[in-house]
Amino acid sequence: MNEKTYKAMKGAGIGNIVLGVIVLATGLACGILALINGARLIRHKSDIIF
């Protein structure tokens, strides 16, 4: 009985680690893209006409 519990906990732990890595990578990529686009907007600020 205890072995099933440990196997379930191990599976859940591995899943959480994988999900955390994916979320971290996605967040980092979104942050980098936001910085690049913000810098591009600031650089071309004089080209914007309202």
C-alpha atoms as a PDB file:
ATOM      1  CA  MET A   1       0.000   0.000   0.000  1.00  0.00           C
ATOM      2  CA  ASN A   2       2.766   2.452   0.899  1.00  0.00           C
ATOM      3  CA  GLU A   3       4.603   1.705  -2.337  1.00  0.00           C
ATOM      4  CA  LYS A   4       1.650   2.978  -4.409  1.00  0.00           C
ATOM      5  CA  THR A   5       1.630   6.200  -2.423  1.00  0.00           C
ATOM      6  CA  TYR A   6       5.345   6.783  -2.975  1.00  0.00           C
ATOM      7  CA  LYS A   7       5.040   6.074  -6.693  1.00  0.00           C
ATOM      8  CA  ALA A   8       2.141   8.532  -6.980  1.00  0.00           C
ATOM      9  CA  MET A   9       4.083  11.183  -5.073  1.00  0.00           C
ATOM     10  CA  LYS A  10       7.137  10.611  -7.278  1.00  0.00           C
ATOM     11  CA  GLY A  11       5.053  11.012 -10.430  1.00  0.00           C
ATOM     12  CA  ALA A  12       3.444  14.178  -9.136  1.00  0.00           C
ATOM     13  CA  GLY A  13       6.813  15.600  -8.129  1.00  0.00           C
ATOM     14  CA  ILE A  14       8.342  14.929 -11.539  1.00  0.00           C
ATOM     15  CA  GLY A  15       5.306  16.468 -13.231  1.00  0.00           C
ATOM     16  CA  ASN A  16       5.572  19.596 -11.087  1.00  0.00           C
ATOM     17  CA  ILE A  17       9.268  20.008 -11.844  1.00  0.00           C
ATOM     18  CA  VAL A  18       8.660  19.658 -15.596  1.00  0.00           C
ATOM     19  CA  LEU A  19       5.771  22.119 -15.467  1.00  0.00           C
ATOM     20  CA  GLY A  20       7.895  24.581 -13.493  1.00  0.00           C
ATOM     21  CA  VAL A  21      10.691  24.446 -16.054  1.00  0.00           C
ATOM     22  CA  ILE A  22       8.226  25.004 -18.896  1.00  0.00           C
ATOM     23  CA  VAL A  23       6.613  27.979 -17.126  1.00  0.00           C
ATOM     24  CA  LEU A  24      10.036  29.451 -16.341  1.00  0.00           C
ATOM     25  CA  ALA A  25      11.210  29.160 -19.949  1.00  0.00           C
ATOM     26  CA  THR A  26       7.966  30.635 -21.285  1.00  0.00           C
ATOM     27  CA  GLY A  27       8.106  33.539 -18.840  1.00  0.00           C
ATOM     28  CA  LEU A  28      11.716  34.264 -19.705  1.00  0.00           C
ATOM     29  CA  ALA A  29      10.953  34.230 -23.434  1.00  0.00           C
ATOM     30  CA  CYS A  30       7.964  36.567 -22.969  1.00  0.00           C
ATOM     31  CA  GLY A  31      10.059  38.960 -20.891  1.00  0.00           C
ATOM     32  CA  ILE A  32      12.820  39.095 -23.484  1.00  0.00           C
ATOM     33  CA  LEU A  33      10.318  39.697 -26.288  1.00  0.00           C
ATOM     34  CA  ALA A  34       8.675  42.496 -24.291  1.00  0.00           C
ATOM     35  CA  LEU A  35      12.041  44.192 -23.740  1.00  0.00           C
ATOM     36  CA  ILE A  36      12.948  43.945 -27.422  1.00  0.00           C
ATOM     37  CA  ASN A  37       9.600  45.326 -28.584  1.00  0.00           C
ATOM     38  CA  GLY A  38       9.715  48.131 -26.006  1.00  0.00           C
ATOM     39  CA  ALA A  39      13.200  49.148 -27.119  1.00  0.00           C
ATOM     40  CA  ARG A  40      12.063  49.090 -30.745  1.00  0.00           C
ATOM     41  CA  LEU A  41       9.101  51.355 -29.934  1.00  0.00           C
ATOM     42  CA  ILE A  42      11.295  53.826 -28.069  1.00  0.00           C
ATOM     43  CA  ARG A  43      13.843  53.876 -30.882  1.00  0.00           C
ATOM     44  CA  HIS A  44      11.159  54.658 -33.509  1.00  0.00           C
ATOM     45  CA  LYS A  45       9.215  57.066 -31.298  1.00  0.00           C
ATOM     46  CA  SER A  46       9.779  59.990 -33.679  1.00  0.00           C
ATOM     47  CA  ASP A  47       8.248  58.026 -36.593  1.00  0.00           C
ATOM     48  CA  ILE A  48       4.854  57.689 -34.876  1.00  0.00           C
ATOM     49  CA  ILE A  49       2.240  60.126 -36.229  1.00  0.00           C
ATOM     50  CA  PHE A  50      -1.176  60.594 -34.601  1.00  0.00           C
END
